[in-house]
PDB file of N, CA and C in Angstrom:
ATOM      1  N   ALA A   1     203.540  44.671  42.127  1.00  0.00           N
ATOM      2  CA  ALA A   1     202.501  45.597  41.716  1.00  0.00           C
ATOM      3  C   ALA A   1     202.970  46.451  40.545  1.00  0.00           C
ATOM      4  N   ASN A   2     204.262  46.590  40.356  1.00  0.00           N
ATOM      5  CA  ASN A   2     204.788  47.435  39.285  1.00  0.00           C
ATOM      6  C   ASN A   2     204.830  46.736  37.930  1.00  0.00           C
ATOM      7  N   GLU A   3     204.602  45.426  37.884  1.00  0.00           N
ATOM      8  CA  GLU A   3     204.742  44.679  36.635  1.00  0.00           C
ATOM      9  C   GLU A   3     203.599  44.935  35.669  1.00  0.00           C
ATOM     10  N   GLY A   4     202.404  45.177  36.151  1.00  0.00           N
ATOM     11  CA  GLY A   4     201.286  45.512  35.289  1.00  0.00           C
ATOM     12  C   GLY A   4     200.449  44.324  34.860  1.00  0.00           C
ATOM     13  N   LEU A   5     199.526  44.625  33.970  1.00  0.00           N
ATOM     14  CA  LEU A   5     198.541  43.656  33.507  1.00  0.00           C
ATOM     15  C   LEU A   5     199.147  42.475  32.748  1.00  0.00           C
ATOM     16  N   PRO A   6     200.107  42.664  31.844  1.00  0.00           N
ATOM     17  CA  PRO A   6     200.667  41.501  31.133  1.00  0.00           C
ATOM     18  C   PRO A   6     201.281  40.467  32.082  1.00  0.00           C
ATOM     19  N   TRP A   7     201.980  40.932  33.094  1.00  0.00           N
ATOM     20  CA  TRP A   7     202.571  40.001  34.063  1.00  0.00           C
ATOM     21  C   TRP A   7     201.477  39.244  34.803  1.00  0.00           C
ATOM     22  N   PHE A   8     200.425  39.961  35.220  1.00  0.00           N
ATOM     23  CA  PHE A   8     199.321  39.336  35.944  1.00  0.00           C
ATOM     24  C   PHE A   8     198.624  38.289  35.087  1.00  0.00           C
ATOM     25  N   LEU A   9     198.374  38.599  33.825  1.00  0.00           N
ATOM     26  CA  LEU A   9     197.723  37.639  32.929  1.00  0.00           C
ATOM     27  C   LEU A   9     198.612  36.422  32.677  1.00  0.00           C
ATOM     28  N   THR A  10     199.914  36.633  32.571  1.00  0.00           N
ATOM     29  CA  THR A  10     200.846  35.510  32.424  1.00  0.00           C
ATOM     30  C   THR A  10     200.818  34.630  33.661  1.00  0.00           C
ATOM     31  N   PHE A  11     200.796  35.252  34.823  1.00  0.00           N
ATOM     32  CA  PHE A  11     200.715  34.512  36.084  1.00  0.00           C
ATOM     33  C   PHE A  11     199.441  33.670  36.136  1.00  0.00           C
ATOM     34  N   LEU A  12     198.304  34.256  35.758  1.00  0.00           N
ATOM     35  CA  LEU A  12     197.043  33.511  35.732  1.00  0.00           C
ATOM     36  C   LEU A  12     197.103  32.347  34.747  1.00  0.00           C
ATOM     37  N   ALA A  13     197.730  32.555  33.604  1.00  0.00           N
ATOM     38  CA  ALA A  13     197.855  31.489  32.613  1.00  0.00           C
ATOM     39  C   ALA A  13     198.700  30.341  33.146  1.00  0.00           C
ATOM     40  N   VAL A  14     199.784  30.654  33.845  1.00  0.00           N
ATOM     41  CA  VAL A  14     200.648  29.612  34.417  1.00  0.00           C
ATOM     42  C   VAL A  14     199.888  28.820  35.480  1.00  0.00           C
ATOM     43  N   ILE A  15     199.135  29.505  36.331  1.00  0.00           N
ATOM     44  CA  ILE A  15     198.338  28.824  37.358  1.00  0.00           C
ATOM     45  C   ILE A  15     197.304  27.911  36.695  1.00  0.00           C
ATOM     46  N   SER A  16     196.621  28.408  35.680  1.00  0.00           N
ATOM     47  CA  SER A  16     195.604  27.624  34.983  1.00  0.00           C
ATOM     48  C   SER A  16     196.209  26.390  34.320  1.00  0.00           C
ATOM     49  N   LEU A  17     197.338  26.554  33.664  1.00  0.00           N
ATOM     50  CA  LEU A  17     198.016  25.434  33.016  1.00  0.00           C
ATOM     51  C   LEU A  17     198.484  24.406  34.045  1.00  0.00           C
ATOM     52  N   SER A  18     199.010  24.876  35.157  1.00  0.00           N
ATOM     53  CA  SER A  18     199.468  23.969  36.213  1.00  0.00           C
ATOM     54  C   SER A  18     198.312  23.151  36.777  1.00  0.00           C
ATOM     55  N   LEU A  19     197.182  23.796  37.016  1.00  0.00           N
ATOM     56  CA  LEU A  19     196.013  23.074  37.525  1.00  0.00           C
ATOM     57  C   LEU A  19     195.494  22.070  36.498  1.00  0.00           C
ATOM     58  N   GLY A  20     195.533  22.442  35.227  1.00  0.00           N
ATOM     59  CA  GLY A  20     195.100  21.523  34.178  1.00  0.00           C
ATOM     60  C   GLY A  20     195.977  20.288  34.101  1.00  0.00           C
ATOM     61  N   ILE A  21     197.284  20.475  34.207  1.00  0.00           N
ATOM     62  CA  ILE A  21     198.212  19.340  34.175  1.00  0.00           C
ATOM     63  C   ILE A  21     198.025  18.474  35.413  1.00  0.00           C
ATOM     64  N   LEU A  22     197.877  19.102  36.580  1.00  0.00           N
ATOM     65  CA  LEU A  22     197.644  18.353  37.814  1.00  0.00           C
ATOM     66  C   LEU A  22     196.367  17.528  37.711  1.00  0.00           C
ATOM     67  N   ASN A  23     195.332  18.100  37.112  1.00  0.00           N
ATOM     68  CA  ASN A  23     194.053  17.413  36.987  1.00  0.00           C
ATOM     69  C   ASN A  23     194.142  16.199  36.064  1.00  0.00           C
ATOM     70  N   LEU A  24     195.103  16.168  35.156  1.00  0.00           N
ATOM     71  CA  LEU A  24     195.242  15.039  34.235  1.00  0.00           C
ATOM     72  C   LEU A  24     196.122  13.915  34.775  1.00  0.00           C
ATOM     73  N   LEU A  25     196.662  14.080  35.983  1.00  0.00           N
ATOM     74  CA  LEU A  25     197.429  12.984  36.582  1.00  0.00           C
ATOM     75  C   LEU A  25     196.523  11.771  36.768  1.00  0.00           C
ATOM     76  N   PRO A  26     197.048  10.565  36.572  1.00  0.00           N
ATOM     77  CA  PRO A  26     196.200   9.369  36.668  1.00  0.00           C
ATOM     78  C   PRO A  26     195.901   8.959  38.112  1.00  0.00           C
ATOM     79  N   ILE A  27     195.426   9.902  38.903  1.00  0.00           N
ATOM     80  CA  ILE A  27     194.986   9.640  40.272  1.00  0.00           C
ATOM     81  C   ILE A  27     193.472   9.489  40.209  1.00  0.00           C
ATOM     82  N   PRO A  28     192.913   8.412  40.766  1.00  0.00           N
ATOM     83  CA  PRO A  28     191.492   8.107  40.568  1.00  0.00           C
ATOM     84  C   PRO A  28     190.498   9.228  40.853  1.00  0.00           C
ATOM     85  N   ILE A  29     190.768  10.109  41.778  1.00  0.00           N
ATOM     86  CA  ILE A  29     189.789  11.145  42.104  1.00  0.00           C
ATOM     87  C   ILE A  29     189.820  12.306  41.100  1.00  0.00           C
ATOM     88  N   LEU A  30     190.859  12.382  40.295  1.00  0.00           N
ATOM     89  CA  LEU A  30     191.003  13.450  39.300  1.00  0.00           C
ATOM     90  C   LEU A  30     190.515  12.981  37.933  1.00  0.00           C
ATOM     91  N   ASP A  31     190.451  13.899  36.976  1.00  0.00           N
ATOM     92  CA  ASP A  31     189.989  13.554  35.627  1.00  0.00           C
ATOM     93  C   ASP A  31     190.888  12.530  34.948  1.00  0.00           C
ATOM     94  N   GLY A  32     192.189  12.612  35.189  1.00  0.00           N
ATOM     95  CA  GLY A  32     193.102  11.617  34.626  1.00  0.00           C
ATOM     96  C   GLY A  32     192.782  10.217  35.123  1.00  0.00           C
ATOM     97  N   GLY A  33     192.357  10.112  36.363  1.00  0.00           N
ATOM     98  CA  GLY A  33     191.947   8.820  36.911  1.00  0.00           C
ATOM     99  C   GLY A  33     190.685   8.298  36.251  1.00  0.00           C
ATOM    100  N   HIS A  34     189.762   9.213  35.928  1.00  0.00           N
ATOM    101  CA  HIS A  34     188.548   8.800  35.216  1.00  0.00           C
ATOM    102  C   HIS A  34     188.893   8.300  33.812  1.00  0.00           C
ATOM    103  N   ILE A  35     189.855   8.946  33.178  1.00  0.00           N
ATOM    104  CA  ILE A  35     190.302   8.493  31.855  1.00  0.00           C
ATOM    105  C   ILE A  35     190.895   7.094  31.957  1.00  0.00           C
ATOM    106  N   VAL A  36     191.709   6.861  32.990  1.00  0.00           N
ATOM    107  CA  VAL A  36     192.310   5.533  33.191  1.00  0.00           C
ATOM    108  C   VAL A  36     191.225   4.490  33.432  1.00  0.00           C
ATOM    109  N   MET A  37     190.214   4.823  34.227  1.00  0.00           N
ATOM    110  CA  MET A  37     189.121   3.874  34.485  1.00  0.00           C
ATOM    111  C   MET A  37     188.344   3.575  33.203  1.00  0.00           C
ATOM    112  N   CYS A  38     188.118   4.585  32.382  1.00  0.00           N
ATOM    113  CA  CYS A  38     187.433   4.355  31.099  1.00  0.00           C
ATOM    114  C   CYS A  38     188.268   3.459  30.191  1.00  0.00           C
ATOM    115  N   LEU A  39     189.584   3.681  30.174  1.00  0.00           N
ATOM    116  CA  LEU A  39     190.461   2.810  29.386  1.00  0.00           C
ATOM    117  C   LEU A  39     190.441   1.383  29.923  1.00  0.00           C
ATOM    118  N   ALA A  40     190.421   1.238  31.245  1.00  0.00           N
ATOM    119  CA  ALA A  40     190.367  -0.099  31.844  1.00  0.00           C
ATOM    120  C   ALA A  40     189.070  -0.802  31.465  1.00  0.00           C
ATOM    121  N   GLU A  41     187.958  -0.070  31.483  1.00  0.00           N
ATOM    122  CA  GLU A  41     186.679  -0.662  31.077  1.00  0.00           C
ATOM    123  C   GLU A  41     186.697  -1.036  29.601  1.00  0.00           C
ATOM    124  N   TRP A  42     187.323  -0.207  28.779  1.00  0.00           N
ATOM    125  CA  TRP A  42     187.391  -0.486  27.345  1.00  0.00           C
ATOM    126  C   TRP A  42     188.240  -1.723  27.084  1.00  0.00           C
ATOM    127  N   ILE A  43     189.376  -1.834  27.765  1.00  0.00           N
ATOM    128  CA  ILE A  43     190.256  -2.994  27.587  1.00  0.00           C
ATOM    129  C   ILE A  43     189.596  -4.249  28.133  1.00  0.00           C
ATOM    130  N   LYS A  44     188.996  -4.136  29.305  1.00  0.00           N
ATOM    131  CA  LYS A  44     188.358  -5.284  29.961  1.00  0.00           C
ATOM    132  C   LYS A  44     187.089  -5.712  29.226  1.00  0.00           C
ATOM    133  N   GLY A  45     186.386  -4.764  28.647  1.00  0.00           N
ATOM    134  CA  GLY A  45     185.157  -5.072  27.931  1.00  0.00           C
ATOM    135  C   GLY A  45     183.926  -5.064  28.810  1.00  0.00           C
ATOM    136  N   SER A  46     184.105  -4.763  30.084  1.00  0.00           N
ATOM    137  CA  SER A  46     182.977  -4.672  31.009  1.00  0.00           C
ATOM    138  C   SER A  46     183.298  -3.604  32.048  1.00  0.00           C
ATOM    139  N   PRO A  47     182.271  -3.115  32.721  1.00  0.00           N
ATOM    140  CA  PRO A  47     182.507  -2.066  33.719  1.00  0.00           C
ATOM    141  C   PRO A  47     183.357  -2.556  34.893  1.00  0.00           C
ATOM    142  N   VAL A  48     184.130  -1.637  35.434  1.00  0.00           N
ATOM    143  CA  VAL A  48     184.904  -1.922  36.639  1.00  0.00           C
ATOM    144  C   VAL A  48     183.918  -1.971  37.798  1.00  0.00           C
ATOM    145  N   SER A  49     184.147  -2.876  38.741  1.00  0.00           N
ATOM    146  CA  SER A  49     183.210  -3.020  39.853  1.00  0.00           C
ATOM    147  C   SER A  49     183.147  -1.749  40.695  1.00  0.00           C
ATOM    148  N   GLU A  50     181.987  -1.544  41.296  1.00  0.00           N
ATOM    149  CA  GLU A  50     181.799  -0.358  42.132  1.00  0.00           C
ATOM    150  C   GLU A  50     182.761  -0.362  43.318  1.00  0.00           C
ATOM    151  N   ARG A  51     183.036  -1.535  43.839  1.00  0.00           N
ATOM    152  CA  ARG A  51     183.968  -1.653  44.969  1.00  0.00           C
ATOM    153  C   ARG A  51     185.367  -1.163  44.568  1.00  0.00           C
ATOM    154  N   THR A  52     185.803  -1.526  43.368  1.00  0.00           N
ATOM    155  CA  THR A  52     187.105  -1.081  42.873  1.00  0.00           C
ATOM    156  C   THR A  52     187.122   0.428  42.655  1.00  0.00           C
ATOM    157  N   LEU A  53     186.035   0.973  42.110  1.00  0.00           N
ATOM    158  CA  LEU A  53     185.954   2.415  41.894  1.00  0.00           C
ATOM    159  C   LEU A  53     186.032   3.181  43.215  1.00  0.00           C
ATOM    160  N   ILE A  54     185.299   2.712  44.217  1.00  0.00           N
ATOM    161  CA  ILE A  54     185.300   3.381  45.522  1.00  0.00           C
ATOM    162  C   ILE A  54     186.675   3.287  46.167  1.00  0.00           C
ATOM    163  N   ALA A  55     187.298   2.117  46.090  1.00  0.00           N
ATOM    164  CA  ALA A  55     188.643   1.955  46.657  1.00  0.00           C
ATOM    165  C   ALA A  55     189.626   2.894  45.959  1.00  0.00           C
ATOM    166  N   GLY A  56     189.513   3.009  44.657  1.00  0.00           N
ATOM    167  CA  GLY A  56     190.379   3.912  43.907  1.00  0.00           C
ATOM    168  C   GLY A  56     190.172   5.366  44.307  1.00  0.00           C
ATOM    169  N   GLN A  57     188.918   5.745  44.542  1.00  0.00           N
ATOM    170  CA  GLN A  57     188.638   7.115  44.973  1.00  0.00           C
ATOM    171  C   GLN A  57     189.281   7.413  46.325  1.00  0.00           C
ATOM    172  N   TYR A  58     189.205   6.450  47.239  1.00  0.00           N
ATOM    173  CA  TYR A  58     189.828   6.641  48.557  1.00  0.00           C
ATOM    174  C   TYR A  58     191.349   6.743  48.448  1.00  0.00           C
ATOM    175  N   VAL A  59     191.939   5.906  47.605  1.00  0.00           N
ATOM    176  CA  VAL A  59     193.392   5.963  47.409  1.00  0.00           C
ATOM    177  C   VAL A  59     193.780   7.309  46.794  1.00  0.00           C
ATOM    178  N   GLY A  60     193.026   7.753  45.803  1.00  0.00           N
ATOM    179  CA  GLY A  60     193.298   9.046  45.183  1.00  0.00           C
ATOM    180  C   GLY A  60     193.157  10.198  46.162  1.00  0.00           C
ATOM    181  N   LEU A  61     192.133  10.134  47.000  1.00  0.00           N
ATOM    182  CA  LEU A  61     191.948  11.171  48.009  1.00  0.00           C
ATOM    183  C   LEU A  61     193.114  11.186  48.985  1.00  0.00           C
ATOM    184  N   ALA A  62     193.553  10.000  49.407  1.00  0.00           N
ATOM    185  CA  ALA A  62     194.693   9.916  50.326  1.00  0.00           C
ATOM    186  C   ALA A  62     195.959  10.483  49.678  1.00  0.00           C
ATOM    187  N   LEU A  63     196.166  10.202  48.394  1.00  0.00           N
ATOM    188  CA  LEU A  63     197.331  10.751  47.691  1.00  0.00           C
ATOM    189  C   LEU A  63     197.282  12.276  47.624  1.00  0.00           C
ATOM    190  N   LEU A  64     196.114  12.820  47.312  1.00  0.00           N
ATOM    191  CA  LEU A  64     195.998  14.272  47.220  1.00  0.00           C
ATOM    192  C   LEU A  64     196.172  14.946  48.576  1.00  0.00           C
ATOM    193  N   VAL A  65     195.588  14.365  49.622  1.00  0.00           N
ATOM    194  CA  VAL A  65     195.747  14.938  50.962  1.00  0.00           C
ATOM    195  C   VAL A  65     197.210  14.870  51.382  1.00  0.00           C
ATOM    196  N   SER A  66     197.880  13.769  51.053  1.00  0.00           N
ATOM    197  CA  SER A  66     199.310  13.650  51.374  1.00  0.00           C
ATOM    198  C   SER A  66     200.126  14.699  50.631  1.00  0.00           C
ATOM    199  N   LEU A  67     199.831  14.906  49.363  1.00  0.00           N
ATOM    200  CA  LEU A  67     200.543  15.906  48.571  1.00  0.00           C
ATOM    201  C   LEU A  67     200.321  17.315  49.121  1.00  0.00           C
ATOM    202  N   MET A  68     199.074  17.623  49.476  1.00  0.00           N
ATOM    203  CA  MET A  68     198.788  18.943  50.037  1.00  0.00           C
ATOM    204  C   MET A  68     199.450  19.124  51.397  1.00  0.00           C
ATOM    205  N   SER A  69     199.459  18.075  52.209  1.00  0.00           N
ATOM    206  CA  SER A  69     200.106  18.149  53.522  1.00  0.00           C
ATOM    207  C   SER A  69     201.605  18.371  53.379  1.00  0.00           C
ATOM    208  N   LEU A  70     202.221  17.681  52.437  1.00  0.00           N
ATOM    209  CA  LEU A  70     203.652  17.858  52.200  1.00  0.00           C
ATOM    210  C   LEU A  70     203.961  19.291  51.747  1.00  0.00           C
ATOM    211  N   ALA A  71     203.152  19.818  50.857  1.00  0.00           N
ATOM    212  CA  ALA A  71     203.354  21.196  50.393  1.00  0.00           C
ATOM    213  C   ALA A  71     203.177  22.185  51.545  1.00  0.00           C
ATOM    214  N   PHE A  72     202.165  21.968  52.366  1.00  0.00           N
ATOM    215  CA  PHE A  72     201.924  22.845  53.516  1.00  0.00           C
ATOM    216  C   PHE A  72     203.081  22.765  54.504  1.00  0.00           C
ATOM    217  N   TYR A  73     203.555  21.559  54.772  1.00  0.00           N
ATOM    218  CA  TYR A  73     204.687  21.360  55.681  1.00  0.00           C
ATOM    219  C   TYR A  73     205.931  22.082  55.156  1.00  0.00           C
ATOM    220  N   ASN A  74     206.206  21.926  53.870  1.00  0.00           N
ATOM    221  CA  ASN A  74     207.367  22.602  53.277  1.00  0.00           C
ATOM    222  C   ASN A  74     207.248  24.122  53.380  1.00  0.00           C
ATOM    223  N   ASP A  75     206.044  24.654  53.194  1.00  0.00           N
ATOM    224  CA  ASP A  75     205.853  26.098  53.331  1.00  0.00           C
ATOM    225  C   ASP A  75     206.119  26.563  54.756  1.00  0.00           C
ATOM    226  N   ILE A  76     205.630  25.812  55.730  1.00  0.00           N
ATOM    227  CA  ILE A  76     205.836  26.174  57.136  1.00  0.00           C
ATOM    228  C   ILE A  76     207.318  26.103  57.486  1.00  0.00           C
ATOM    229  N   VAL A  77     207.996  25.042  57.057  1.00  0.00           N
ATOM    230  CA  VAL A  77     209.432  24.903  57.338  1.00  0.00           C
ATOM    231  C   VAL A  77     210.198  26.061  56.714  1.00  0.00           C
ATOM    232  N   ARG A  78     209.856  26.435  55.496  1.00  0.00           N
ATOM    233  CA  ARG A  78     210.535  27.537  54.821  1.00  0.00           C
ATOM    234  C   ARG A  78     210.306  28.862  55.556  1.00  0.00           C
ATOM    235  N   LEU A  79     209.102  29.061  56.088  1.00  0.00           N
ATOM    236  CA  LEU A  79     208.823  30.283  56.837  1.00  0.00           C
ATOM    237  C   LEU A  79     209.595  30.329  58.153  1.00  0.00           C
ATOM    238  N   VAL A  80     209.673  29.185  58.838  1.00  0.00           N
ATOM    239  CA  VAL A  80     210.324  29.133  60.144  1.00  0.00           C
ATOM    240  C   VAL A  80     211.837  29.265  60.013  1.00  0.00           C
ATOM    241  N   THR A  81     212.420  28.654  58.997  1.00  0.00           N
ATOM    242  CA  THR A  81     213.880  28.641  58.877  1.00  0.00           C
ATOM    243  C   THR A  81     214.448  29.881  58.199  1.00  0.00           C
ATOM    244  N   SER A  82     213.619  30.688  57.562  1.00  0.00           N
ATOM    245  CA  SER A  82     214.172  31.865  56.874  1.00  0.00           C
ATOM    246  C   SER A  82     214.027  33.135  57.682  1.00  0.00           C
TER     247      SER A  82
END
């Protein structure tokens, strides 16, 4: 609380940048995954099948849930052991 407004704004900027970088990861459910799918359609010359898109979304969702679960688990372990 003693750091003031500049520290708070820097903290917000770091959070925003981190979320932006995370969003660009080539995981199908994120924007980076949409970019990869657009590149695949451009290279292939035709649209990717709907079945492939849906499967990719499920895989991306599973990856994100796994990542969030791991982060949550690590936080709980750190709280319990300290």
